N, C-alpha and C. Protein backbone atom coordinates (compact mmCIF):
# COMPACT_ATOMS: atom_id res chain seq x y z
N MET A 1 17.20 -32.65 -18.49
CA MET A 1 16.52 -31.37 -18.29
C MET A 1 15.85 -31.42 -16.93
N THR A 2 16.12 -30.44 -16.13
CA THR A 2 15.54 -30.44 -14.80
C THR A 2 14.31 -29.57 -14.67
N GLU A 3 14.23 -28.51 -15.46
CA GLU A 3 13.08 -27.61 -15.37
C GLU A 3 12.91 -26.86 -16.68
N ILE A 4 11.67 -26.65 -17.05
CA ILE A 4 11.41 -25.87 -18.26
C ILE A 4 10.81 -24.53 -17.86
N ASN A 5 10.79 -23.60 -18.83
CA ASN A 5 10.10 -22.32 -18.63
C ASN A 5 9.38 -21.97 -19.92
N LYS A 6 8.53 -20.97 -19.85
CA LYS A 6 7.67 -20.65 -20.99
C LYS A 6 8.41 -19.99 -22.16
N ASP A 7 9.67 -19.65 -21.97
CA ASP A 7 10.46 -19.06 -23.04
C ASP A 7 11.23 -20.11 -23.85
N MET A 8 11.18 -21.36 -23.42
CA MET A 8 11.87 -22.44 -24.13
C MET A 8 11.05 -22.86 -25.35
N THR A 9 11.74 -23.34 -26.39
CA THR A 9 11.00 -23.79 -27.57
C THR A 9 10.49 -25.21 -27.35
N ILE A 10 9.40 -25.50 -28.04
CA ILE A 10 8.80 -26.83 -27.98
C ILE A 10 9.83 -27.87 -28.44
N GLY A 11 10.55 -27.55 -29.50
CA GLY A 11 11.55 -28.48 -30.03
C GLY A 11 12.62 -28.81 -29.03
N ASP A 12 13.13 -27.81 -28.33
CA ASP A 12 14.17 -28.05 -27.33
C ASP A 12 13.66 -28.95 -26.20
N ILE A 13 12.43 -28.70 -25.79
CA ILE A 13 11.84 -29.50 -24.71
C ILE A 13 11.66 -30.95 -25.16
N LEU A 14 11.10 -31.13 -26.36
CA LEU A 14 10.88 -32.49 -26.87
C LEU A 14 12.19 -33.22 -27.12
N ASP A 15 13.20 -32.51 -27.59
CA ASP A 15 14.50 -33.15 -27.81
C ASP A 15 15.10 -33.64 -26.50
N ALA A 16 14.90 -32.88 -25.44
CA ALA A 16 15.48 -33.24 -24.14
C ALA A 16 14.62 -34.27 -23.40
N GLU A 17 13.30 -34.14 -23.52
CA GLU A 17 12.37 -35.00 -22.78
C GLU A 17 11.19 -35.37 -23.67
N ARG A 18 11.34 -36.44 -24.44
CA ARG A 18 10.28 -36.85 -25.36
C ARG A 18 8.98 -37.21 -24.64
N ASP A 19 9.09 -37.60 -23.38
CA ASP A 19 7.91 -37.98 -22.61
C ASP A 19 6.98 -36.80 -22.32
N THR A 20 7.39 -35.58 -22.67
CA THR A 20 6.54 -34.41 -22.44
C THR A 20 5.54 -34.23 -23.58
N ALA A 21 5.68 -34.96 -24.67
CA ALA A 21 4.80 -34.80 -25.84
C ALA A 21 3.31 -34.84 -25.49
N PRO A 22 2.84 -35.75 -24.62
CA PRO A 22 1.42 -35.77 -24.31
C PRO A 22 0.86 -34.46 -23.76
N PHE A 23 1.68 -33.69 -23.06
CA PHE A 23 1.21 -32.41 -22.54
C PHE A 23 0.85 -31.46 -23.69
N PHE A 24 1.65 -31.48 -24.74
CA PHE A 24 1.38 -30.62 -25.89
C PHE A 24 0.23 -31.16 -26.73
N LEU A 25 0.17 -32.48 -26.87
CA LEU A 25 -0.93 -33.09 -27.62
C LEU A 25 -2.27 -32.81 -26.94
N GLU A 26 -2.31 -32.88 -25.61
CA GLU A 26 -3.55 -32.64 -24.86
C GLU A 26 -4.07 -31.22 -25.03
N MET A 27 -3.18 -30.26 -25.28
CA MET A 27 -3.64 -28.88 -25.45
C MET A 27 -4.03 -28.60 -26.90
N GLY A 28 -3.96 -29.62 -27.76
CA GLY A 28 -4.39 -29.46 -29.15
C GLY A 28 -3.27 -29.22 -30.12
N MET A 29 -2.05 -29.34 -29.67
CA MET A 29 -0.90 -29.12 -30.54
C MET A 29 -0.50 -30.46 -31.15
N HIS A 30 -1.12 -30.80 -32.28
CA HIS A 30 -0.96 -32.12 -32.86
C HIS A 30 0.14 -32.21 -33.92
N CYS A 31 0.78 -31.12 -34.24
CA CYS A 31 1.81 -31.15 -35.29
C CYS A 31 3.20 -30.94 -34.67
N LEU A 32 3.53 -31.78 -33.72
CA LEU A 32 4.78 -31.61 -32.97
C LEU A 32 6.03 -31.78 -33.83
N GLY A 33 5.92 -32.47 -34.96
CA GLY A 33 7.07 -32.66 -35.82
C GLY A 33 7.26 -31.55 -36.84
N CYS A 34 6.30 -30.68 -36.97
CA CYS A 34 6.36 -29.61 -37.96
C CYS A 34 7.37 -28.55 -37.52
N PRO A 35 8.22 -28.09 -38.43
CA PRO A 35 9.26 -27.12 -38.07
C PRO A 35 8.72 -25.86 -37.41
N ALA A 36 7.56 -25.40 -37.83
CA ALA A 36 7.01 -24.17 -37.25
C ALA A 36 6.66 -24.37 -35.78
N SER A 37 6.04 -25.48 -35.45
CA SER A 37 5.64 -25.70 -34.06
C SER A 37 6.86 -25.98 -33.18
N ARG A 38 7.86 -26.65 -33.71
CA ARG A 38 9.06 -26.93 -32.92
C ARG A 38 9.81 -25.64 -32.57
N GLY A 39 9.66 -24.60 -33.38
CA GLY A 39 10.35 -23.34 -33.14
C GLY A 39 9.59 -22.38 -32.24
N GLU A 40 8.33 -22.71 -31.94
CA GLU A 40 7.54 -21.85 -31.06
C GLU A 40 7.98 -22.02 -29.61
N THR A 41 7.87 -20.95 -28.87
CA THR A 41 8.09 -21.07 -27.42
C THR A 41 6.82 -21.65 -26.79
N VAL A 42 6.96 -22.11 -25.58
CA VAL A 42 5.79 -22.61 -24.86
C VAL A 42 4.74 -21.51 -24.77
N GLU A 43 5.17 -20.30 -24.48
CA GLU A 43 4.22 -19.19 -24.35
C GLU A 43 3.49 -18.92 -25.66
N GLN A 44 4.21 -18.93 -26.78
CA GLN A 44 3.58 -18.71 -28.09
C GLN A 44 2.57 -19.81 -28.41
N ALA A 45 2.95 -21.05 -28.18
CA ALA A 45 2.06 -22.17 -28.46
C ALA A 45 0.80 -22.10 -27.59
N CYS A 46 0.98 -21.75 -26.35
CA CYS A 46 -0.17 -21.63 -25.45
C CYS A 46 -1.11 -20.51 -25.88
N MET A 47 -0.55 -19.41 -26.33
CA MET A 47 -1.37 -18.29 -26.79
C MET A 47 -2.24 -18.73 -27.97
N VAL A 48 -1.67 -19.45 -28.91
CA VAL A 48 -2.40 -19.91 -30.09
C VAL A 48 -3.49 -20.91 -29.70
N HIS A 49 -3.22 -21.74 -28.71
CA HIS A 49 -4.15 -22.81 -28.34
C HIS A 49 -5.02 -22.48 -27.14
N GLY A 50 -4.94 -21.25 -26.63
CA GLY A 50 -5.81 -20.82 -25.55
C GLY A 50 -5.54 -21.51 -24.21
N VAL A 51 -4.26 -21.76 -23.94
CA VAL A 51 -3.86 -22.44 -22.70
C VAL A 51 -3.00 -21.49 -21.87
N ASP A 52 -3.15 -21.55 -20.57
CA ASP A 52 -2.34 -20.73 -19.67
C ASP A 52 -0.93 -21.32 -19.62
N PRO A 53 0.07 -20.57 -20.09
CA PRO A 53 1.43 -21.11 -20.14
C PRO A 53 2.01 -21.42 -18.77
N ASP A 54 1.63 -20.65 -17.75
CA ASP A 54 2.15 -20.89 -16.41
C ASP A 54 1.67 -22.23 -15.86
N ILE A 55 0.41 -22.56 -16.13
CA ILE A 55 -0.14 -23.83 -15.67
C ILE A 55 0.52 -24.99 -16.42
N LEU A 56 0.70 -24.85 -17.73
CA LEU A 56 1.34 -25.91 -18.51
C LEU A 56 2.76 -26.14 -18.02
N VAL A 57 3.52 -25.07 -17.83
CA VAL A 57 4.91 -25.18 -17.35
C VAL A 57 4.94 -25.86 -15.98
N GLU A 58 4.03 -25.45 -15.11
CA GLU A 58 3.97 -26.05 -13.78
C GLU A 58 3.68 -27.55 -13.87
N ASN A 59 2.73 -27.94 -14.71
CA ASN A 59 2.38 -29.35 -14.86
C ASN A 59 3.54 -30.17 -15.43
N ILE A 60 4.21 -29.63 -16.42
CA ILE A 60 5.35 -30.34 -17.01
C ILE A 60 6.49 -30.46 -16.00
N ASN A 61 6.76 -29.39 -15.28
CA ASN A 61 7.84 -29.44 -14.29
C ASN A 61 7.53 -30.42 -13.16
N GLU A 62 6.28 -30.52 -12.76
CA GLU A 62 5.90 -31.51 -11.75
C GLU A 62 6.13 -32.93 -12.28
N PHE A 63 5.76 -33.15 -13.53
CA PHE A 63 5.99 -34.44 -14.18
C PHE A 63 7.49 -34.76 -14.21
N LEU A 64 8.29 -33.79 -14.60
CA LEU A 64 9.74 -34.01 -14.69
C LEU A 64 10.36 -34.28 -13.32
N LYS A 65 9.86 -33.61 -12.29
CA LYS A 65 10.36 -33.86 -10.93
C LYS A 65 10.08 -35.30 -10.52
N GLY A 66 8.89 -35.76 -10.80
CA GLY A 66 8.51 -37.14 -10.46
C GLY A 66 9.33 -38.15 -11.24
N LYS A 67 9.66 -37.81 -12.45
CA LYS A 67 10.44 -38.70 -13.31
C LYS A 67 11.87 -38.80 -12.82
N ASN A 68 12.40 -37.73 -12.28
CA ASN A 68 13.79 -37.70 -11.83
C ASN A 68 13.98 -38.29 -10.43
N ASN A 69 12.89 -38.58 -9.76
CA ASN A 69 13.00 -39.16 -8.40
C ASN A 69 13.09 -40.66 -8.45
């Protein structure tokens, strides 16, 4: 996975890049294995947890860029 966006589901992101889990855990999303949370988009999860989805996506994409270098 080279880049994520806020319309992607949490499950798809975790399946492709398990190392992204801490970003979701830090925002308070502690039930990453639960079917409901895996089906949420990044934007939906951020709305529930009071996090700016654009900032989260930017942070994860920066992490992924560093990982791929």
